[in-house]
Amino acid sequence: MPKCPLCEGGQSKFTEVFLFEKDKSDEVSYVDCFLCGATGEVNEDIVASWKDHQKMWCECDPPSEQSYYVREGEHSDISKHHWRCKDCDKVTQIG
Protein backbone atom coordinates (compact mmCIF):
# COMPACT_ATOMS: atom_id res chain seq x y z
CA MET A 1 0.00 0.00 0.00
CA PRO A 2 1.20 3.53 -0.71
CA LYS A 3 2.37 5.78 2.10
CA CYS A 4 -0.06 8.53 3.10
CA PRO A 5 0.77 11.74 1.15
CA LEU A 6 -0.45 13.94 3.99
CA CYS A 7 1.22 12.62 7.11
CA GLU A 8 3.77 10.06 5.88
CA GLY A 9 3.37 7.91 8.96
CA GLY A 10 0.04 8.26 10.75
CA GLN A 11 0.32 11.59 12.54
CA SER A 12 -0.06 15.13 11.21
CA LYS A 13 1.88 18.04 12.64
CA PHE A 14 -0.31 20.86 13.91
CA THR A 15 1.23 24.25 14.70
CA GLU A 16 -0.76 26.83 16.62
CA VAL A 17 0.59 30.33 16.01
CA PHE A 18 -0.23 33.07 18.51
CA LEU A 19 -0.29 36.28 16.47
CA PHE A 20 -1.68 38.58 19.14
CA GLU A 21 0.06 37.13 22.17
CA LYS A 22 3.72 38.12 21.75
CA ASP A 23 4.86 36.39 24.95
CA LYS A 24 3.60 32.97 23.77
CA SER A 25 5.66 30.82 21.45
CA ASP A 26 4.16 28.62 18.76
CA GLU A 27 2.82 25.32 20.08
CA VAL A 28 3.41 22.18 18.06
CA SER A 29 1.33 19.07 18.60
CA TYR A 30 0.46 15.97 16.61
CA VAL A 31 -2.98 14.64 15.74
CA ASP A 32 -4.10 11.45 14.04
CA CYS A 33 -4.15 11.93 10.27
CA PHE A 34 -7.66 12.29 8.86
CA LEU A 35 -6.66 10.98 5.44
CA CYS A 36 -5.27 7.58 6.50
CA GLY A 37 -6.90 7.20 9.92
CA ALA A 38 -3.48 7.17 11.63
CA THR A 39 -2.31 4.05 9.79
CA GLY A 40 0.24 5.80 7.58
CA GLU A 41 -1.03 3.91 4.55
CA VAL A 42 -3.74 4.62 1.97
CA ASN A 43 -5.03 2.94 -1.18
CA GLU A 44 -4.46 4.19 -4.74
CA ASP A 45 -7.94 5.79 -4.93
CA ILE A 46 -7.24 7.98 -1.90
CA VAL A 47 -3.85 9.03 -3.32
CA ALA A 48 -5.48 9.98 -6.65
CA SER A 49 -8.27 11.88 -4.90
CA TRP A 50 -5.78 13.76 -2.69
CA LYS A 51 -3.63 14.75 -5.68
CA ASP A 52 -6.72 16.00 -7.51
CA HIS A 53 -7.75 18.02 -4.43
CA GLN A 54 -4.30 19.64 -4.19
CA LYS A 55 -4.50 20.90 -7.79
CA MET A 56 -7.20 23.45 -6.89
CA TRP A 57 -4.99 25.37 -4.41
CA CYS A 58 -2.93 28.46 -5.27
CA GLU A 59 0.81 27.81 -5.34
CA CYS A 60 1.94 31.28 -6.43
CA ASP A 61 5.38 32.12 -5.09
CA PRO A 62 5.30 34.67 -3.68
CA PRO A 63 1.55 34.48 -3.00
CA SER A 64 -0.59 37.08 -4.70
CA GLU A 65 -1.37 40.17 -2.65
CA GLN A 66 -4.84 40.13 -4.18
CA SER A 67 -7.67 37.62 -4.04
CA TYR A 68 -11.33 37.82 -4.87
CA TYR A 69 -14.41 36.54 -3.07
CA VAL A 70 -16.73 33.91 -4.57
CA ARG A 71 -20.19 33.54 -3.00
CA GLU A 72 -21.76 30.19 -2.11
CA GLY A 73 -23.03 28.39 -5.19
CA GLU A 74 -21.34 30.76 -7.70
CA HIS A 75 -18.54 28.39 -8.74
CA SER A 76 -18.99 24.95 -10.26
CA ASP A 77 -16.01 23.38 -8.43
CA ILE A 78 -16.77 24.52 -4.87
CA SER A 79 -20.24 25.18 -3.51
CA LYS A 80 -18.99 26.85 -0.29
CA HIS A 81 -17.97 30.52 -0.35
CA HIS A 82 -14.23 30.96 -0.91
CA TRP A 83 -11.45 33.24 -2.13
CA ARG A 84 -9.40 32.87 -5.31
CA CYS A 85 -6.02 34.23 -6.34
CA LYS A 86 -6.22 37.03 -8.92
CA ASP A 87 -3.02 35.78 -10.58
CA CYS A 88 -3.69 32.05 -11.08
CA ASP A 89 -7.45 31.88 -10.29
CA LYS A 90 -6.91 28.97 -7.88
CA VAL A 91 -8.33 28.73 -4.34
CA THR A 92 -6.57 30.58 -1.52
CA GLN A 93 -9.14 30.04 1.25
CA ILE A 94 -12.44 28.21 1.74
CA GLY A 95 -15.06 29.47 4.15
C-alpha atoms as a PDB file:
ATOM      1  CA  MET A   1       0.000   0.000   0.000  1.00  0.00           C
ATOM      2  CA  PRO A   2       1.205   3.532  -0.712  1.00  0.00           C
ATOM      3  CA  LYS A   3       2.375   5.778   2.099  1.00  0.00           C
ATOM      4  CA  CYS A   4      -0.061   8.532   3.099  1.00  0.00           C
ATOM      5  CA  PRO A   5       0.767  11.744   1.148  1.00  0.00           C
ATOM      6  CA  LEU A   6      -0.453  13.943   3.989  1.00  0.00           C
ATOM      7  CA  CYS A   7       1.225  12.620   7.114  1.00  0.00           C
ATOM      8  CA  GLU A   8       3.769  10.065   5.876  1.00  0.00           C
ATOM      9  CA  GLY A   9       3.369   7.912   8.956  1.00  0.00           C
ATOM     10  CA  GLY A  10       0.036   8.257  10.749  1.00  0.00           C
ATOM     11  CA  GLN A  11       0.319  11.587  12.543  1.00  0.00           C
ATOM     12  CA  SER A  12      -0.063  15.129  11.210  1.00  0.00           C
ATOM     13  CA  LYS A  13       1.879  18.040  12.640  1.00  0.00           C
ATOM     14  CA  PHE A  14      -0.310  20.859  13.913  1.00  0.00           C
ATOM     15  CA  THR A  15       1.234  24.246  14.702  1.00  0.00           C
ATOM     16  CA  GLU A  16      -0.755  26.827  16.621  1.00  0.00           C
ATOM     17  CA  VAL A  17       0.588  30.331  16.011  1.00  0.00           C
ATOM     18  CA  PHE A  18      -0.231  33.067  18.506  1.00  0.00           C
ATOM     19  CA  LEU A  19      -0.292  36.284  16.474  1.00  0.00           C
ATOM     20  CA  PHE A  20      -1.676  38.580  19.135  1.00  0.00           C
ATOM     21  CA  GLU A  21       0.065  37.127  22.170  1.00  0.00           C
ATOM     22  CA  LYS A  22       3.716  38.125  21.746  1.00  0.00           C
ATOM     23  CA  ASP A  23       4.858  36.387  24.947  1.00  0.00           C
ATOM     24  CA  LYS A  24       3.603  32.967  23.768  1.00  0.00           C
ATOM     25  CA  SER A  25       5.660  30.816  21.451  1.00  0.00           C
ATOM     26  CA  ASP A  26       4.163  28.617  18.759  1.00  0.00           C
ATOM     27  CA  GLU A  27       2.817  25.316  20.084  1.00  0.00           C
ATOM     28  CA  VAL A  28       3.414  22.182  18.061  1.00  0.00           C
ATOM     29  CA  SER A  29       1.331  19.075  18.600  1.00  0.00           C
ATOM     30  CA  TYR A  30       0.459  15.973  16.613  1.00  0.00           C
ATOM     31  CA  VAL A  31      -2.983  14.643  15.740  1.00  0.00           C
ATOM     32  CA  ASP A  32      -4.102  11.447  14.039  1.00  0.00           C
ATOM     33  CA  CYS A  33      -4.151  11.932  10.274  1.00  0.00           C
ATOM     34  CA  PHE A  34      -7.659  12.288   8.861  1.00  0.00           C
ATOM     35  CA  LEU A  35      -6.657  10.976   5.439  1.00  0.00           C
ATOM     36  CA  CYS A  36      -5.275   7.581   6.502  1.00  0.00           C
ATOM     37  CA  GLY A  37      -6.896   7.196   9.924  1.00  0.00           C
ATOM     38  CA  ALA A  38      -3.477   7.174  11.633  1.00  0.00           C
ATOM     39  CA  THR A  39      -2.310   4.050   9.795  1.00  0.00           C
ATOM     40  CA  GLY A  40       0.238   5.804   7.577  1.00  0.00           C
ATOM     41  CA  GLU A  41      -1.034   3.909   4.546  1.00  0.00           C
ATOM     42  CA  VAL A  42      -3.735   4.618   1.966  1.00  0.00           C
ATOM     43  CA  ASN A  43      -5.030   2.940  -1.182  1.00  0.00           C
ATOM     44  CA  GLU A  44      -4.464   4.194  -4.739  1.00  0.00           C
ATOM     45  CA  ASP A  45      -7.938   5.787  -4.930  1.00  0.00           C
ATOM     46  CA  ILE A  46      -7.236   7.980  -1.905  1.00  0.00           C
ATOM     47  CA  VAL A  47      -3.855   9.031  -3.319  1.00  0.00           C
ATOM     48  CA  ALA A  48      -5.478   9.978  -6.649  1.00  0.00           C
ATOM     49  CA  SER A  49      -8.274  11.881  -4.895  1.00  0.00           C
ATOM     50  CA  TRP A  50      -5.780  13.762  -2.694  1.00  0.00           C
ATOM     51  CA  LYS A  51      -3.628  14.755  -5.682  1.00  0.00           C
ATOM     52  CA  ASP A  52      -6.725  15.996  -7.512  1.00  0.00           C
ATOM     53  CA  HIS A  53      -7.754  18.020  -4.433  1.00  0.00           C
ATOM     54  CA  GLN A  54      -4.300  19.636  -4.190  1.00  0.00           C
ATOM     55  CA  LYS A  55      -4.503  20.899  -7.792  1.00  0.00           C
ATOM     56  CA  MET A  56      -7.201  23.450  -6.892  1.00  0.00           C
ATOM     57  CA  TRP A  57      -4.987  25.375  -4.406  1.00  0.00           C
ATOM     58  CA  CYS A  58      -2.927  28.460  -5.273  1.00  0.00           C
ATOM     59  CA  GLU A  59       0.806  27.814  -5.341  1.00  0.00           C
ATOM     60  CA  CYS A  60       1.938  31.277  -6.428  1.00  0.00           C
ATOM     61  CA  ASP A  61       5.381  32.122  -5.090  1.00  0.00           C
ATOM     62  CA  PRO A  62       5.296  34.668  -3.679  1.00  0.00           C
ATOM     63  CA  PRO A  63       1.546  34.475  -2.997  1.00  0.00           C
ATOM     64  CA  SER A  64      -0.587  37.084  -4.696  1.00  0.00           C
ATOM     65  CA  GLU A  65      -1.368  40.173  -2.646  1.00  0.00           C
ATOM     66  CA  GLN A  66      -4.844  40.129  -4.182  1.00  0.00           C
ATOM     67  CA  SER A  67      -7.667  37.624  -4.043  1.00  0.00           C
ATOM     68  CA  TYR A  68     -11.331  37.822  -4.869  1.00  0.00           C
ATOM     69  CA  TYR A  69     -14.413  36.536  -3.069  1.00  0.00           C
ATOM     70  CA  VAL A  70     -16.730  33.912  -4.572  1.00  0.00           C
ATOM     71  CA  ARG A  71     -20.186  33.535  -3.003  1.00  0.00           C
ATOM     72  CA  GLU A  72     -21.759  30.195  -2.110  1.00  0.00           C
ATOM     73  CA  GLY A  73     -23.029  28.389  -5.194  1.00  0.00           C
ATOM     74  CA  GLU A  74     -21.344  30.755  -7.696  1.00  0.00           C
ATOM     75  CA  HIS A  75     -18.538  28.391  -8.738  1.00  0.00           C
ATOM     76  CA  SER A  76     -18.991  24.946 -10.261  1.00  0.00           C
ATOM     77  CA  ASP A  77     -16.006  23.382  -8.433  1.00  0.00           C
ATOM     78  CA  ILE A  78     -16.769  24.518  -4.870  1.00  0.00           C
ATOM     79  CA  SER A  79     -20.237  25.177  -3.509  1.00  0.00           C
ATOM     80  CA  LYS A  80     -18.987  26.853  -0.291  1.00  0.00           C
ATOM     81  CA  HIS A  81     -17.971  30.519  -0.353  1.00  0.00           C
ATOM     82  CA  HIS A  82     -14.234  30.964  -0.907  1.00  0.00           C
ATOM     83  CA  TRP A  83     -11.450  33.240  -2.133  1.00  0.00           C
ATOM     84  CA  ARG A  84      -9.402  32.866  -5.310  1.00  0.00           C
ATOM     85  CA  CYS A  85      -6.016  34.234  -6.343  1.00  0.00           C
ATOM     86  CA  LYS A  86      -6.220  37.033  -8.920  1.00  0.00           C
ATOM     87  CA  ASP A  87      -3.022  35.783 -10.583  1.00  0.00           C
ATOM     88  CA  CYS A  88      -3.694  32.051 -11.081  1.00  0.00           C
ATOM     89  CA  ASP A  89      -7.454  31.880 -10.293  1.00  0.00           C
ATOM     90  CA  LYS A  90      -6.914  28.973  -7.880  1.00  0.00           C
ATOM     91  CA  VAL A  91      -8.327  28.731  -4.342  1.00  0.00           C
ATOM     92  CA  THR A  92      -6.574  30.584  -1.517  1.00  0.00           C
ATOM     93  CA  GLN A  93      -9.141  30.040   1.252  1.00  0.00           C
ATOM     94  CA  ILE A  94     -12.444  28.206   1.743  1.00  0.00           C
ATOM     95  CA  GLY A  95     -15.061  29.472   4.152  1.00  0.00           C
END
